[in-house]
Structures are given as C-alpha cells and as structure tokens.
Amino acid sequence: MLELNTLELRRGHRQLVTDLSLQLPQGQWLGLLGANGCGKTSLLKSIAGLWPLSRGRVCFAGASLAEMAPLARAELVSILVQHNQPSGGLTVEQTVALGASPARGCERAALEQVLLECELLAMRQRPLDSLSGGQVQRTMIAQALLQDTPLLLLDEPANHLDVYHLYTTLARIRQRSMSVVASFHDMNLAAQWCDRLLLLGEGRVLAHGTPEQVLTPSLLRQAFRVDTEIHTGTDGQRQVRILGAAR
C-alpha cells in the first residue's frame, strides 16, 4: 500500500500541495488532475524520492521511501517522466535494458517480454533518436516495466501515443496488478482507468475520491476555469464534455 502522510510540497516560494494524506491499496490506480503548473509532475517526483518534500512522509509497504538507499527504493518504485531526450547512440533494446533491476540484472526472458508487450521487437536495433515521439514513449514505458516494481509512477503516459498504443499499453500495465499513480490531461481517460482521482489547484488538494466524486462541474470549473457537462455512459463511466471557458 502507498501512503502519503501530511505532504507539503513547495517550489521556491510557491505552494503546490499542502496537508495531503491518502492511502492507495495495492493494485489500484490514482489519477492526478489539474491545470498546467499545479504540481502534478512535482508530486510524482517527490513520491519517487527525486525531489524533496517540504514536510510529510511517503511510505510503501510500511517503509519510508525517502529513508531508503536508492537501490532499495528502485526495487519498489519506477517512474516515467516527461521530456526524455533520446540518448545518443543507444538502440531501443539498450534503452529498455537500462530499466533492469541492479539487484537482479537484465534477464533475457523479461527483456523479451516487455519488448513484445510494448510492440518494440521489430525496432529493437533502431537508434532511439531515429524514432517518432510515440515510439520513444513506448520505449520508455517498456524501460519502466522492465524494472518490475510494485509501484509505477507515470507522468502523462498518453503523451505522443496514438489511440491503439495508448489503450493496449494501459491494458498491459493493468494486467500486471501494479499500484499506479499517473498524471493526465484527459479527464475522461483518467476516469476510465483510475480507481481514484486527485484534483490539484490553488496550491492545495481541491478534491480526492472516486471519479464520480471528483468530476463535478463546480470542481472542474474551479480547477480548469471551464464549464462542463457530466454524463454517465452506458458502461457506467463518468464522461466530461467541455462547453467552453467559464463565464
């Protein structure tokens, strides 16, 4: 279980998150929503131990991630961040292999499996800098999956992916029964895949709960400054329709 205990997050003099506490049971997905600059990426990096918290603790399976050695933490949590720049000269296969656990090493069977799952076998020997943005994104997701951790953090996993690869990739991650914390721009995508949503804005948590609890016209107006209509689809999923800028 992932536990966030009274987190406070600042960047310089700017308050991003204050007094955030929640628990995410193993295997559930938490979606982060909010306008650009609200702190979604900063929160993901702080959970991963890449950026310091102003206050609070992040625990997984009862242990504080910040107090772990980096190699021990890498056994529990992997992260996909935005703006990965292709590394000069590395192939797709070499890039994916960098995700292997230092403790376990790169097992050939596991490497072949993630290349297959992310549909990268045909391009495994291509230089990373020759790929499209979507192909690079799939490569970096494969790298994170090869790390094979119980907690996966995804910063805009939909970035650059076409519809087919987006849905097949998320479905394969779901099959692994990992706990996932992911940031989204697409509210409907977040509602479809996430058990719970966290809505950030104004330097604080605006809402935390199920998609039905978080995706309301008043909360979305507060967070995004847009007017919306909310519908429930035939499959029971919450669906948001943007009407335009808030009047």
C-alpha atoms as a PDB file:
ATOM      1  CA  MET A   1       0.000   0.000   0.000  1.00  0.00           C
ATOM      2  CA  LEU A   2       1.156   3.519  -0.847  1.00  0.00           C
ATOM      3  CA  GLU A   3       0.677   6.019   1.973  1.00  0.00           C
ATOM      4  CA  LEU A   4       1.066   9.785   1.706  1.00  0.00           C
ATOM      5  CA  ASN A   5       1.156  11.356   5.157  1.00  0.00           C
ATOM      6  CA  THR A   6       0.567  15.127   5.563  1.00  0.00           C
ATOM      7  CA  LEU A   7       2.627  16.027   2.497  1.00  0.00           C
ATOM      8  CA  GLU A   8       3.585  19.608   1.809  1.00  0.00           C
ATOM      9  CA  LEU A   9       5.327  20.500  -1.425  1.00  0.00           C
ATOM     10  CA  ARG A  10       6.855  23.833  -2.409  1.00  0.00           C
ATOM     11  CA  ARG A  11       8.935  25.058  -5.307  1.00  0.00           C
ATOM     12  CA  GLY A  12      10.747  28.196  -4.209  1.00  0.00           C
ATOM     13  CA  HIS A  13       8.150  30.457  -2.605  1.00  0.00           C
ATOM     14  CA  ARG A  14       5.287  28.750  -4.417  1.00  0.00           C
ATOM     15  CA  GLN A  15       2.982  26.396  -2.541  1.00  0.00           C
ATOM     16  CA  LEU A  16       1.967  23.411  -4.702  1.00  0.00           C
ATOM     17  CA  VAL A  17       0.478  20.919  -2.254  1.00  0.00           C
ATOM     18  CA  THR A  18      -0.379  21.202   1.415  1.00  0.00           C
ATOM     19  CA  ASP A  19      -1.584  18.682   4.001  1.00  0.00           C
ATOM     20  CA  LEU A  20      -2.067  15.798   1.561  1.00  0.00           C
ATOM     21  CA  SER A  21      -2.812  12.438   3.172  1.00  0.00           C
ATOM     22  CA  LEU A  22      -4.150   9.354   1.409  1.00  0.00           C
ATOM     23  CA  GLN A  23      -3.760   5.612   1.090  1.00  0.00           C
ATOM     24  CA  LEU A  24      -3.713   3.687  -2.180  1.00  0.00           C
ATOM     25  CA  PRO A  25      -4.241  -0.079  -1.823  1.00  0.00           C
ATOM     26  CA  GLN A  26      -2.020  -2.378  -3.842  1.00  0.00           C
ATOM     27  CA  GLY A  27      -3.176  -2.754  -7.431  1.00  0.00           C
ATOM     28  CA  GLN A  28      -5.283   0.413  -7.536  1.00  0.00           C
ATOM     29  CA  TRP A  29      -4.723   3.425  -9.806  1.00  0.00           C
ATOM     30  CA  LEU A  30      -4.667   7.051  -8.671  1.00  0.00           C
ATOM     31  CA  GLY A  31      -5.035   9.739 -11.341  1.00  0.00           C
ATOM     32  CA  LEU A  32      -3.633  13.237 -10.854  1.00  0.00           C
ATOM     33  CA  LEU A  33      -5.597  16.047 -12.498  1.00  0.00           C
ATOM     34  CA  GLY A  34      -5.129  19.801 -12.590  1.00  0.00           C
ATOM     35  CA  ALA A  35      -4.134  22.709 -14.782  1.00  0.00           C
ATOM     36  CA  ASN A  36      -0.583  23.119 -16.068  1.00  0.00           C
ATOM     37  CA  GLY A  37       1.791  24.096 -13.280  1.00  0.00           C
ATOM     38  CA  CYS A  38      -0.434  22.868 -10.453  1.00  0.00           C
ATOM     39  CA  GLY A  39       2.171  20.398  -9.195  1.00  0.00           C
ATOM     40  CA  LYS A  40       1.312  17.033 -10.768  1.00  0.00           C
ATOM     41  CA  THR A  41       4.835  16.321 -12.017  1.00  0.00           C
ATOM     42  CA  SER A  42       6.413  17.700  -8.849  1.00  0.00           C
ATOM     43  CA  LEU A  43       4.237  15.422  -6.728  1.00  0.00           C
ATOM     44  CA  LEU A  44       5.170  12.363  -8.787  1.00  0.00           C
ATOM     45  CA  LYS A  45       8.877  13.150  -8.494  1.00  0.00           C
ATOM     46  CA  SER A  46       8.536  13.727  -4.757  1.00  0.00           C
ATOM     47  CA  ILE A  47       6.771  10.382  -4.300  1.00  0.00           C
ATOM     48  CA  ALA A  48       9.644   8.758  -6.206  1.00  0.00           C
ATOM     49  CA  GLY A  49      12.191  10.463  -3.953  1.00  0.00           C
ATOM     50  CA  LEU A  50      13.641  12.553  -6.787  1.00  0.00           C
ATOM     51  CA  TRP A  51      12.557  15.897  -5.283  1.00  0.00           C
ATOM     52  CA  PRO A  52      12.452  16.757  -1.574  1.00  0.00           C
ATOM     53  CA  LEU A  53       9.218  17.318   0.301  1.00  0.00           C
ATOM     54  CA  SER A  54       8.783  20.383   2.474  1.00  0.00           C
ATOM     55  CA  ARG A  55       7.002  18.206   5.024  1.00  0.00           C
ATOM     56  CA  GLY A  56       5.477  14.747   5.396  1.00  0.00           C
ATOM     57  CA  ARG A  57       6.340  11.152   4.542  1.00  0.00           C
ATOM     58  CA  VAL A  58       5.805   8.816   1.622  1.00  0.00           C
ATOM     59  CA  CYS A  59       5.611   5.160   2.650  1.00  0.00           C
ATOM     60  CA  PHE A  60       5.208   1.996   0.636  1.00  0.00           C
ATOM     61  CA  ALA A  61       4.539  -1.351   2.280  1.00  0.00           C
ATOM     62  CA  GLY A  62       5.051   0.405   5.613  1.00  0.00           C
ATOM     63  CA  ALA A  63       8.554   1.713   4.852  1.00  0.00           C
ATOM     64  CA  SER A  64       9.558   5.336   4.231  1.00  0.00           C
ATOM     65  CA  LEU A  65      10.806   5.685   0.655  1.00  0.00           C
ATOM     66  CA  ALA A  66      12.895   8.756   1.492  1.00  0.00           C
ATOM     67  CA  GLU A  67      14.847   6.822   4.117  1.00  0.00           C
ATOM     68  CA  MET A  68      15.773   4.000   1.739  1.00  0.00           C
ATOM     69  CA  ALA A  69      19.007   3.709  -0.186  1.00  0.00           C
ATOM     70  CA  PRO A  70      18.450   4.437  -3.901  1.00  0.00           C
ATOM     71  CA  LEU A  71      18.974   0.800  -4.926  1.00  0.00           C
ATOM     72  CA  ALA A  72      16.448  -0.418  -2.356  1.00  0.00           C
ATOM     73  CA  ARG A  73      13.936   2.203  -3.487  1.00  0.00           C
ATOM     74  CA  ALA A  74      14.424   1.137  -7.113  1.00  0.00           C
ATOM     75  CA  GLU A  75      13.121  -2.315  -6.162  1.00  0.00           C
ATOM     76  CA  LEU A  76       9.796  -0.762  -5.136  1.00  0.00           C
ATOM     77  CA  VAL A  77       9.112   2.211  -7.399  1.00  0.00           C
ATOM     78  CA  SER A  78       9.705   3.055 -11.069  1.00  0.00           C
ATOM     79  CA  ILE A  79       8.849   6.321 -12.791  1.00  0.00           C
ATOM     80  CA  LEU A  80       8.200   7.534 -16.317  1.00  0.00           C
ATOM     81  CA  VAL A  81       8.882  11.260 -16.606  1.00  0.00           C
ATOM     82  CA  GLN A  82       8.164  13.690 -19.428  1.00  0.00           C
ATOM     83  CA  HIS A  83      10.709  15.123 -21.837  1.00  0.00           C
ATOM     84  CA  ASN A  84      13.006  12.123 -22.053  1.00  0.00           C
ATOM     85  CA  GLN A  85      15.637  13.049 -24.609  1.00  0.00           C
ATOM     86  CA  PRO A  86      16.886  10.176 -26.781  1.00  0.00           C
ATOM     87  CA  SER A  87      20.323   9.088 -25.636  1.00  0.00           C
ATOM     88  CA  GLY A  88      22.946   9.384 -28.351  1.00  0.00           C
ATOM     89  CA  GLY A  89      23.769   6.074 -29.983  1.00  0.00           C
ATOM     90  CA  LEU A  90      21.609   3.791 -27.832  1.00  0.00           C
ATOM     91  CA  THR A  91      19.233   1.385 -29.528  1.00  0.00           C
ATOM     92  CA  VAL A  92      15.697   0.653 -28.376  1.00  0.00           C
ATOM     93  CA  GLU A  93      16.812  -2.622 -26.778  1.00  0.00           C
ATOM     94  CA  GLN A  94      19.741  -0.998 -24.974  1.00  0.00           C
ATOM     95  CA  THR A  95      17.494   1.775 -23.676  1.00  0.00           C
ATOM     96  CA  VAL A  96      14.877  -0.648 -22.370  1.00  0.00           C
ATOM     97  CA  ALA A  97      17.594  -2.767 -20.724  1.00  0.00           C
ATOM     98  CA  LEU A  98      18.615   0.228 -18.602  1.00  0.00           C
ATOM     99  CA  GLY A  99      15.446  -0.380 -16.594  1.00  0.00           C
ATOM    100  CA  ALA A 100      16.684  -3.721 -15.287  1.00  0.00           C
ATOM    101  CA  SER A 101      16.976  -4.010 -11.530  1.00  0.00           C
ATOM    102  CA  PRO A 102      20.613  -3.668 -10.372  1.00  0.00           C
ATOM    103  CA  ALA A 103      19.976  -6.454  -7.874  1.00  0.00           C
ATOM    104  CA  ARG A 104      18.530  -8.928 -10.380  1.00  0.00           C
ATOM    105  CA  GLY A 105      20.333  -7.847 -13.539  1.00  0.00           C
ATOM    106  CA  CYS A 106      18.823  -7.886 -17.008  1.00  0.00           C
ATOM    107  CA  GLU A 107      17.135 -11.242 -17.536  1.00  0.00           C
ATOM    108  CA  ARG A 108      16.775 -12.052 -21.221  1.00  0.00           C
ATOM    109  CA  ALA A 109      13.277 -13.527 -20.851  1.00  0.00           C
ATOM    110  CA  ALA A 110      11.994 -10.433 -19.034  1.00  0.00           C
ATOM    111  CA  LEU A 111      13.533  -8.129 -21.647  1.00  0.00           C
ATOM    112  CA  GLU A 112      11.954 -10.091 -24.490  1.00  0.00           C
ATOM    113  CA  GLN A 113       8.590  -9.985 -22.730  1.00  0.00           C
ATOM    114  CA  VAL A 114       8.454  -6.199 -22.321  1.00  0.00           C
ATOM    115  CA  LEU A 115       9.660  -5.667 -25.901  1.00  0.00           C
ATOM    116  CA  LEU A 116       6.807  -7.919 -27.007  1.00  0.00           C
ATOM    117  CA  GLU A 117       4.218  -6.250 -24.762  1.00  0.00           C
ATOM    118  CA  CYS A 118       5.132  -2.766 -25.979  1.00  0.00           C
ATOM    119  CA  GLU A 119       5.378  -3.940 -29.616  1.00  0.00           C
ATOM    120  CA  LEU A 120       9.032  -2.985 -29.948  1.00  0.00           C
ATOM    121  CA  LEU A 121      10.525  -6.239 -31.247  1.00  0.00           C
ATOM    122  CA  ALA A 122      10.662  -5.073 -34.866  1.00  0.00           C
ATOM    123  CA  MET A 123      12.550  -1.906 -33.946  1.00  0.00           C
ATOM    124  CA  ARG A 124      14.764  -3.237 -31.162  1.00  0.00           C
ATOM    125  CA  GLN A 125      18.018  -2.430 -33.015  1.00  0.00           C
ATOM    126  CA  ARG A 126      16.975   1.021 -34.202  1.00  0.00           C
ATOM    127  CA  PRO A 127      18.685   4.047 -32.645  1.00  0.00           C
ATOM    128  CA  LEU A 128      16.368   5.765 -30.208  1.00  0.00           C
ATOM    129  CA  ASP A 129      16.950   9.138 -31.859  1.00  0.00           C
ATOM    130  CA  SER A 130      15.504   7.788 -35.132  1.00  0.00           C
ATOM    131  CA  LEU A 131      12.080   7.075 -33.622  1.00  0.00           C
ATOM    132  CA  SER A 132       8.854   9.043 -33.535  1.00  0.00           C
ATOM    133  CA  GLY A 133       7.656  10.591 -30.287  1.00  0.00           C
ATOM    134  CA  GLY A 134       5.174   7.773 -29.734  1.00  0.00           C
ATOM    135  CA  GLN A 135       7.805   5.093 -30.316  1.00  0.00           C
ATOM    136  CA  VAL A 136      10.138   6.794 -27.835  1.00  0.00           C
ATOM    137  CA  GLN A 137       7.296   6.930 -25.301  1.00  0.00           C
ATOM    138  CA  ARG A 138       6.647   3.193 -25.676  1.00  0.00           C
ATOM    139  CA  THR A 139      10.369   2.535 -25.258  1.00  0.00           C
ATOM    140  CA  MET A 140      10.481   4.492 -22.012  1.00  0.00           C
ATOM    141  CA  ILE A 141       7.343   2.749 -20.728  1.00  0.00           C
ATOM    142  CA  ALA A 142       8.990  -0.592 -21.535  1.00  0.00           C
ATOM    143  CA  GLN A 143      12.057   0.510 -19.569  1.00  0.00           C
ATOM    144  CA  ALA A 144       9.873   1.284 -16.543  1.00  0.00           C
ATOM    145  CA  LEU A 145       8.053  -2.051 -16.858  1.00  0.00           C
ATOM    146  CA  LEU A 146      11.331  -3.986 -17.031  1.00  0.00           C
ATOM    147  CA  GLN A 147      12.165  -2.582 -13.598  1.00  0.00           C
ATOM    148  CA  ASP A 148       9.224  -4.734 -12.422  1.00  0.00           C
ATOM    149  CA  THR A 149       8.269  -2.781  -9.307  1.00  0.00           C
ATOM    150  CA  PRO A 150       5.007  -2.948  -7.329  1.00  0.00           C
ATOM    151  CA  LEU A 151       4.573   0.847  -7.669  1.00  0.00           C
ATOM    152  CA  LEU A 152       4.641   2.626 -11.036  1.00  0.00           C
ATOM    153  CA  LEU A 153       4.549   6.418 -11.433  1.00  0.00           C
ATOM    154  CA  LEU A 154       3.571   7.777 -14.848  1.00  0.00           C
ATOM    155  CA  ASP A 155       3.830  11.422 -15.891  1.00  0.00           C
ATOM    156  CA  GLU A 156       1.439  11.880 -18.814  1.00  0.00           C
ATOM    157  CA  PRO A 157       1.519   8.276 -20.085  1.00  0.00           C
ATOM    158  CA  ALA A 158      -0.722   9.266 -23.010  1.00  0.00           C
ATOM    159  CA  ASN A 159       1.902  11.688 -24.335  1.00  0.00           C
ATOM    160  CA  HIS A 160       2.549  11.100 -28.092  1.00  0.00           C
ATOM    161  CA  LEU A 161       0.720   7.740 -28.133  1.00  0.00           C
ATOM    162  CA  ASP A 162      -1.889   7.005 -30.776  1.00  0.00           C
ATOM    163  CA  VAL A 163      -5.227   5.598 -29.631  1.00  0.00           C
ATOM    164  CA  TYR A 164      -4.317   1.946 -30.271  1.00  0.00           C
ATOM    165  CA  HIS A 165      -0.999   2.031 -28.432  1.00  0.00           C
ATOM    166  CA  LEU A 166      -2.425   4.115 -25.598  1.00  0.00           C
ATOM    167  CA  TYR A 167      -5.150   1.636 -24.768  1.00  0.00           C
ATOM    168  CA  THR A 168      -3.098  -1.516 -25.323  1.00  0.00           C
ATOM    169  CA  THR A 169      -0.263  -0.126 -23.186  1.00  0.00           C
ATOM    170  CA  LEU A 170      -2.544   0.852 -20.303  1.00  0.00           C
ATOM    171  CA  ALA A 171      -4.303  -2.524 -20.502  1.00  0.00           C
ATOM    172  CA  ARG A 172      -0.998  -4.377 -20.241  1.00  0.00           C
ATOM    173  CA  ILE A 173       0.036  -2.289 -17.257  1.00  0.00           C
ATOM    174  CA  ARG A 174      -3.325  -3.101 -15.642  1.00  0.00           C
ATOM    175  CA  GLN A 175      -2.677  -6.824 -16.119  1.00  0.00           C
ATOM    176  CA  ARG A 176       0.471  -6.552 -14.002  1.00  0.00           C
ATOM    177  CA  SER A 177      -1.527  -5.629 -10.855  1.00  0.00           C
ATOM    178  CA  MET A 178       0.835  -2.763 -10.024  1.00  0.00           C
ATOM    179  CA  SER A 179      -0.176   0.239  -7.970  1.00  0.00           C
ATOM    180  CA  VAL A 180      -0.148   3.190 -10.372  1.00  0.00           C
ATOM    181  CA  VAL A 181      -0.069   6.935  -9.801  1.00  0.00           C
ATOM    182  CA  ALA A 182      -0.399   8.789 -13.105  1.00  0.00           C
ATOM    183  CA  SER A 183      -0.961  12.361 -14.240  1.00  0.00           C
ATOM    184  CA  PHE A 184      -3.468  13.041 -17.000  1.00  0.00           C
ATOM    185  CA  HIS A 185      -4.671  15.947 -19.116  1.00  0.00           C
ATOM    186  CA  ASP A 186      -7.606  13.911 -20.423  1.00  0.00           C
ATOM    187  CA  MET A 187     -10.228  13.762 -17.661  1.00  0.00           C
ATOM    188  CA  ASN A 188     -12.243  11.055 -19.414  1.00  0.00           C
ATOM    189  CA  LEU A 189      -9.173   8.870 -19.824  1.00  0.00           C
ATOM    190  CA  ALA A 190      -8.385   9.278 -16.125  1.00  0.00           C
ATOM    191  CA  ALA A 191     -11.963   8.395 -15.173  1.00  0.00           C
ATOM    192  CA  GLN A 192     -11.863   5.281 -17.336  1.00  0.00           C
ATOM    193  CA  TRP A 193      -8.645   3.844 -15.913  1.00  0.00           C
ATOM    194  CA  CYS A 194      -8.338   5.164 -12.366  1.00  0.00           C
ATOM    195  CA  ASP A 195      -9.989   3.939  -9.188  1.00  0.00           C
ATOM    196  CA  ARG A 196      -9.478   7.310  -7.528  1.00  0.00           C
ATOM    197  CA  LEU A 197      -8.656  10.832  -8.661  1.00  0.00           C
ATOM    198  CA  LEU A 198      -6.729  13.657  -7.001  1.00  0.00           C
ATOM    199  CA  LEU A 199      -7.579  17.145  -8.242  1.00  0.00           C
ATOM    200  CA  LEU A 200      -4.920  19.812  -7.606  1.00  0.00           C
ATOM    201  CA  GLY A 201      -5.172  23.584  -7.850  1.00  0.00           C
ATOM    202  CA  GLU A 202      -4.663  26.840  -5.986  1.00  0.00           C
ATOM    203  CA  GLY A 203      -1.734  25.316  -4.084  1.00  0.00           C
ATOM    204  CA  ARG A 204      -3.838  22.609  -2.468  1.00  0.00           C
ATOM    205  CA  VAL A 205      -5.908  19.490  -2.982  1.00  0.00           C
ATOM    206  CA  LEU A 206      -9.281  20.532  -4.373  1.00  0.00           C
ATOM    207  CA  ALA A 207     -10.755  17.036  -4.226  1.00  0.00           C
ATOM    208  CA  HIS A 208      -9.845  13.393  -3.702  1.00  0.00           C
ATOM    209  CA  GLY A 209     -12.181  10.479  -4.298  1.00  0.00           C
ATOM    210  CA  THR A 210     -13.816   8.359  -6.947  1.00  0.00           C
ATOM    211  CA  PRO A 211     -14.302   9.774 -10.460  1.00  0.00           C
ATOM    212  CA  GLU A 212     -17.961  10.356  -9.570  1.00  0.00           C
ATOM    213  CA  GLN A 213     -16.947  12.429  -6.546  1.00  0.00           C
ATOM    214  CA  VAL A 214     -14.203  14.460  -8.249  1.00  0.00           C
ATOM    215  CA  LEU A 215     -15.525  15.080 -11.754  1.00  0.00           C
ATOM    216  CA  THR A 216     -18.257  17.592 -10.985  1.00  0.00           C
ATOM    217  CA  PRO A 217     -18.977  20.849 -12.854  1.00  0.00           C
ATOM    218  CA  SER A 218     -18.192  23.020  -9.830  1.00  0.00           C
ATOM    219  CA  LEU A 219     -14.841  21.362  -9.075  1.00  0.00           C
ATOM    220  CA  LEU A 220     -13.755  21.335 -12.722  1.00  0.00           C
ATOM    221  CA  ARG A 221     -14.689  24.990 -13.059  1.00  0.00           C
ATOM    222  CA  GLN A 222     -12.533  25.767 -10.021  1.00  0.00           C
ATOM    223  CA  ALA A 223      -9.555  23.747 -11.267  1.00  0.00           C
ATOM    224  CA  PHE A 224      -9.638  24.418 -15.016  1.00  0.00           C
ATOM    225  CA  ARG A 225     -11.797  27.545 -15.454  1.00  0.00           C
ATOM    226  CA  VAL A 226     -14.121  25.774 -17.875  1.00  0.00           C
ATOM    227  CA  ASP A 227     -17.819  24.971 -17.907  1.00  0.00           C
ATOM    228  CA  THR A 228     -18.679  21.297 -18.293  1.00  0.00           C
ATOM    229  CA  GLU A 229     -21.498  18.808 -18.615  1.00  0.00           C
ATOM    230  CA  ILE A 230     -21.166  15.442 -16.907  1.00  0.00           C
ATOM    231  CA  HIS A 231     -22.773  12.317 -18.326  1.00  0.00           C
ATOM    232  CA  THR A 232     -22.716   8.689 -17.275  1.00  0.00           C
ATOM    233  CA  GLY A 233     -22.142   6.333 -20.190  1.00  0.00           C
ATOM    234  CA  THR A 234     -23.894   3.031 -20.772  1.00  0.00           C
ATOM    235  CA  ASP A 235     -20.867   1.330 -19.205  1.00  0.00           C
ATOM    236  CA  GLY A 236     -21.272   3.398 -16.036  1.00  0.00           C
ATOM    237  CA  GLN A 237     -18.192   5.522 -16.743  1.00  0.00           C
ATOM    238  CA  ARG A 238     -18.141   9.233 -15.951  1.00  0.00           C
ATOM    239  CA  GLN A 239     -17.830  11.336 -19.127  1.00  0.00           C
ATOM    240  CA  VAL A 240     -16.948  15.029 -19.197  1.00  0.00           C
ATOM    241  CA  ARG A 241     -17.965  17.352 -22.030  1.00  0.00           C
ATOM    242  CA  ILE A 242     -16.218  20.725 -22.146  1.00  0.00           C
ATOM    243  CA  LEU A 243     -18.637  23.527 -23.002  1.00  0.00           C
ATOM    244  CA  GLY A 244     -16.065  26.323 -23.104  1.00  0.00           C
ATOM    245  CA  ALA A 245     -14.253  28.830 -20.927  1.00  0.00           C
ATOM    246  CA  ALA A 246     -16.055  29.586 -17.681  1.00  0.00           C
ATOM    247  CA  ARG A 247     -18.313  32.597 -17.907  1.00  0.00           C
END
